[in-house]
Amino acid sequence: MFTGIIEVLGIVKDIQKENNNLHLQIESPFTSELKIDQSVAHNGVCLTVVKIEGNVYTVTAIKETLEKTNLNSVGIGDPVNLERGMKLGDRLDGHIVQGHVDQTAICQSITNENGSWIFTFEYDPKENNITIEKGSITVNGTSLTVVNSKKNSFSVAIIPYTYEHTVFHTFEQGTIVNLEFDVIGKYVTRLMRN
């Protein structure tokens, strides 16, 4: 479990392809605190640490993960949002995040609001996911509040700190992002449809 509060930006140092899998080597400030088998969210995707060497650790993304997330387009030198698993008893500053990406979305627009930014994302409605005004959404692992909810799109407002300390400063129109919809909303939607 995660909170959607990004701890640090990691840098992709190397990518090794093995059959349908990608082994991603990530450099991060907290690598020395990690253990093998520990879960870390990478742009919102929960992956298991399989190797640690110095300040670089390795995780493996399998075919299923690569088909449903934006990790298949990450390149060497790219920054990734990182968050370690939540500790029981810690504050839940964001919202309950599982690290299970529901689908990807495309950044449709970025509006500079002279001190903040409005990012609008569009996603495929065939997955039957929904957002609600003032509800929670996770974009590339970042816990955010929806400010404009439509049938298959939504907007979020980004403050300067989030813009600078997450991968949001790298986004442009057409950027593909990972979405995890609010877990409570997903259960309610499923119940209503049944």
Protein backbone atom coordinates (compact mmCIF):
# COMPACT_ATOMS: atom_id res chain seq x y z
CA MET A 1 0.00 0.00 0.00
CA PHE A 2 1.08 3.53 -0.80
CA THR A 3 -0.17 7.06 -0.16
CA GLY A 4 0.58 8.76 -3.48
CA ILE A 5 3.00 11.17 -1.84
CA ILE A 6 6.14 10.98 -3.97
CA GLU A 7 9.31 10.67 -1.89
CA VAL A 8 11.99 11.24 -4.52
CA LEU A 9 12.70 11.21 -8.23
CA GLY A 10 14.76 8.23 -9.32
CA ILE A 11 16.76 8.04 -12.53
CA VAL A 12 16.67 5.07 -14.90
CA LYS A 13 20.32 4.03 -15.22
CA ASP A 14 19.92 0.94 -17.42
CA ILE A 15 17.25 -1.25 -19.02
CA GLN A 16 17.79 -4.92 -19.83
CA LYS A 17 15.28 -6.87 -21.92
CA GLU A 18 14.89 -10.57 -21.10
CA ASN A 19 12.18 -12.40 -23.05
CA ASN A 20 8.99 -10.36 -22.40
CA ASN A 21 10.41 -8.72 -19.26
CA LEU A 22 12.27 -5.47 -18.67
CA HIS A 23 14.78 -5.21 -15.83
CA LEU A 24 14.96 -1.55 -14.82
CA GLN A 25 17.97 -0.30 -12.89
CA ILE A 26 17.04 2.75 -10.83
CA GLU A 27 19.34 5.16 -9.00
CA SER A 28 17.73 6.75 -5.97
CA PRO A 29 18.68 8.57 -2.76
CA PHE A 30 17.02 5.85 -0.64
CA THR A 31 18.57 2.77 -2.30
CA SER A 32 20.77 2.11 0.78
CA GLU A 33 17.59 1.76 2.88
CA LEU A 34 15.96 -0.83 0.58
CA LYS A 35 15.90 -4.60 0.94
CA ILE A 36 15.46 -7.36 -1.60
CA ASP A 37 11.72 -8.24 -1.93
CA GLN A 38 10.63 -4.73 -0.87
CA SER A 39 7.87 -3.01 -2.85
CA VAL A 40 8.50 0.39 -4.42
CA ALA A 41 6.05 2.34 -6.60
CA HIS A 42 7.57 3.56 -9.89
CA ASN A 43 5.33 6.15 -11.56
CA GLY A 44 2.59 4.48 -9.53
CA VAL A 45 3.49 0.90 -10.50
CA CYS A 46 4.27 -1.39 -7.57
CA LEU A 47 7.43 -3.38 -8.39
CA THR A 48 9.62 -5.66 -6.27
CA VAL A 49 13.29 -4.91 -5.62
CA VAL A 50 15.26 -7.91 -6.93
CA LYS A 51 18.86 -6.64 -6.75
CA ILE A 52 20.82 -3.85 -5.04
CA GLU A 53 24.27 -2.62 -6.06
CA GLY A 54 25.55 0.58 -4.47
CA ASN A 55 23.01 3.35 -5.05
CA VAL A 56 21.24 1.44 -7.84
CA TYR A 57 18.54 -1.18 -7.44
CA THR A 58 16.80 -3.40 -9.98
CA VAL A 59 13.12 -4.17 -10.48
CA THR A 60 11.44 -6.32 -13.13
CA ALA A 61 8.39 -5.32 -15.16
CA ILE A 62 6.64 -8.29 -16.76
CA LYS A 63 4.56 -8.36 -19.96
CA GLU A 64 1.25 -7.66 -18.15
CA THR A 65 2.76 -4.57 -16.49
CA LEU A 66 4.35 -3.31 -19.70
CA GLU A 67 1.05 -3.66 -21.61
CA LYS A 68 -1.00 -1.71 -19.05
CA THR A 69 1.41 1.04 -17.95
CA ASN A 70 3.78 3.62 -19.38
CA LEU A 71 6.88 1.74 -18.16
CA ASN A 72 7.31 0.33 -21.67
CA SER A 73 8.23 3.84 -22.87
CA VAL A 74 10.70 4.75 -20.09
CA GLY A 75 14.25 5.34 -21.33
CA ILE A 76 17.71 5.51 -19.82
CA GLY A 77 18.16 8.85 -18.06
CA ASP A 78 14.43 9.38 -17.54
CA PRO A 79 13.18 10.45 -14.10
CA VAL A 80 10.54 8.31 -12.35
CA ASN A 81 8.37 9.10 -9.34
CA LEU A 82 9.32 6.85 -6.42
CA GLU A 83 7.47 5.96 -3.23
CA ARG A 84 8.25 3.20 -0.77
CA GLY A 85 5.43 1.20 0.81
CA MET A 86 3.45 2.83 3.60
CA LYS A 87 4.36 1.98 7.21
CA LEU A 88 1.50 1.04 9.51
CA GLY A 89 0.95 3.88 11.94
CA ASP A 90 2.25 6.60 9.58
CA ARG A 91 0.10 9.52 8.48
CA LEU A 92 -1.90 8.95 5.31
CA ASP A 93 -1.13 12.30 3.67
CA GLY A 94 -2.44 11.36 0.21
CA HIS A 95 -5.05 8.62 -0.20
CA ILE A 96 -5.05 4.82 -0.25
CA VAL A 97 -3.02 3.78 -3.30
CA GLN A 98 -2.44 0.14 -4.20
CA GLY A 99 0.22 0.59 -6.85
CA HIS A 100 -1.98 -1.27 -9.34
CA VAL A 101 -2.36 0.85 -12.46
CA ASP A 102 -5.85 0.66 -13.96
CA GLN A 103 -5.01 2.17 -17.34
CA THR A 104 -3.03 4.87 -19.07
CA ALA A 105 -4.15 8.31 -20.18
CA ILE A 106 -2.87 11.00 -22.53
CA CYS A 107 -2.06 14.52 -21.42
CA GLN A 108 -4.38 16.69 -23.51
CA SER A 109 -3.36 20.11 -22.27
CA ILE A 110 -1.26 22.02 -19.76
CA THR A 111 -2.40 25.48 -18.72
CA ASN A 112 -0.06 27.78 -16.82
CA GLU A 113 -2.16 29.54 -14.17
CA ASN A 114 0.58 32.01 -13.11
CA GLY A 115 1.65 30.13 -9.98
CA SER A 116 0.11 26.72 -10.63
CA TRP A 117 -0.73 24.48 -13.58
CA ILE A 118 -3.89 22.74 -14.77
CA PHE A 119 -3.20 19.39 -16.44
CA THR A 120 -6.02 17.73 -18.39
CA PHE A 121 -5.91 14.01 -19.16
CA GLU A 122 -8.09 11.86 -21.43
CA TYR A 123 -8.51 8.11 -20.96
CA ASP A 124 -10.27 5.27 -22.79
CA PRO A 125 -13.86 4.99 -21.45
CA LYS A 126 -14.08 1.27 -22.40
CA GLU A 127 -12.43 0.40 -19.08
CA ASN A 128 -15.47 1.86 -17.25
CA ASN A 129 -13.34 3.87 -14.82
CA ILE A 130 -14.71 7.14 -13.47
CA THR A 131 -13.56 10.26 -11.68
CA ILE A 132 -15.62 12.61 -9.57
CA GLU A 133 -15.20 16.28 -8.78
CA LYS A 134 -13.01 16.67 -5.65
CA GLY A 135 -12.33 12.91 -5.68
CA SER A 136 -8.90 11.30 -5.59
CA ILE A 137 -6.89 10.12 -8.60
CA THR A 138 -3.33 8.87 -8.88
CA VAL A 139 -1.32 10.10 -11.88
CA ASN A 140 2.10 8.45 -12.25
CA GLY A 141 1.86 7.54 -8.57
CA THR A 142 1.02 11.07 -7.39
CA SER A 143 -2.09 11.47 -5.23
CA LEU A 144 -4.16 14.33 -6.64
CA THR A 145 -7.62 15.88 -6.39
CA VAL A 146 -9.83 16.00 -9.48
CA VAL A 147 -10.88 19.57 -10.31
CA ASN A 148 -12.85 18.95 -13.50
CA SER A 149 -14.44 15.57 -14.09
CA LYS A 150 -15.96 14.54 -17.43
CA LYS A 151 -16.96 11.21 -18.96
CA ASN A 152 -13.49 10.15 -20.09
CA SER A 153 -11.31 13.06 -19.01
CA PHE A 154 -10.41 15.05 -15.93
CA SER A 155 -8.15 17.87 -14.81
CA VAL A 156 -5.89 18.33 -11.81
CA ALA A 157 -4.30 21.46 -10.38
CA ILE A 158 -0.58 21.21 -9.64
CA ILE A 159 1.23 23.42 -7.13
CA PRO A 160 4.84 24.50 -7.75
CA TYR A 161 6.28 22.01 -5.21
CA THR A 162 4.60 19.04 -6.91
CA TYR A 163 5.55 20.37 -10.35
CA GLU A 164 9.22 20.60 -9.40
CA HIS A 165 9.58 17.45 -7.24
CA THR A 166 7.73 14.95 -9.44
CA VAL A 167 7.80 14.05 -13.13
CA PHE A 168 5.03 16.59 -13.86
CA HIS A 169 7.67 19.12 -15.01
CA THR A 170 8.56 16.68 -17.85
CA PHE A 171 4.99 16.35 -19.16
CA GLU A 172 3.89 17.86 -22.45
CA GLN A 173 0.83 17.48 -24.61
CA GLY A 174 0.71 13.82 -25.70
CA THR A 175 2.61 12.41 -22.70
CA ILE A 176 1.24 9.01 -21.64
CA VAL A 177 0.68 8.62 -17.89
CA ASN A 178 -0.38 5.86 -15.52
CA LEU A 179 -3.74 6.16 -13.76
CA GLU A 180 -4.94 4.44 -10.62
CA PHE A 181 -8.53 5.36 -9.84
CA ASP A 182 -9.74 5.67 -6.26
CA VAL A 183 -10.13 2.17 -4.80
CA ILE A 184 -13.37 3.00 -2.97
CA GLY A 185 -14.84 4.52 -6.13
CA LYS A 186 -13.91 1.37 -8.08
CA TYR A 187 -15.79 -0.87 -5.64
CA VAL A 188 -18.84 1.39 -5.59
CA THR A 189 -18.88 1.54 -9.41
CA ARG A 190 -18.65 -2.25 -9.64
CA LEU A 191 -21.48 -2.72 -7.12
CA MET A 192 -23.72 -0.23 -8.96
CA ARG A 193 -23.15 -1.94 -12.30
CA ASN A 194 -24.03 -5.35 -10.85
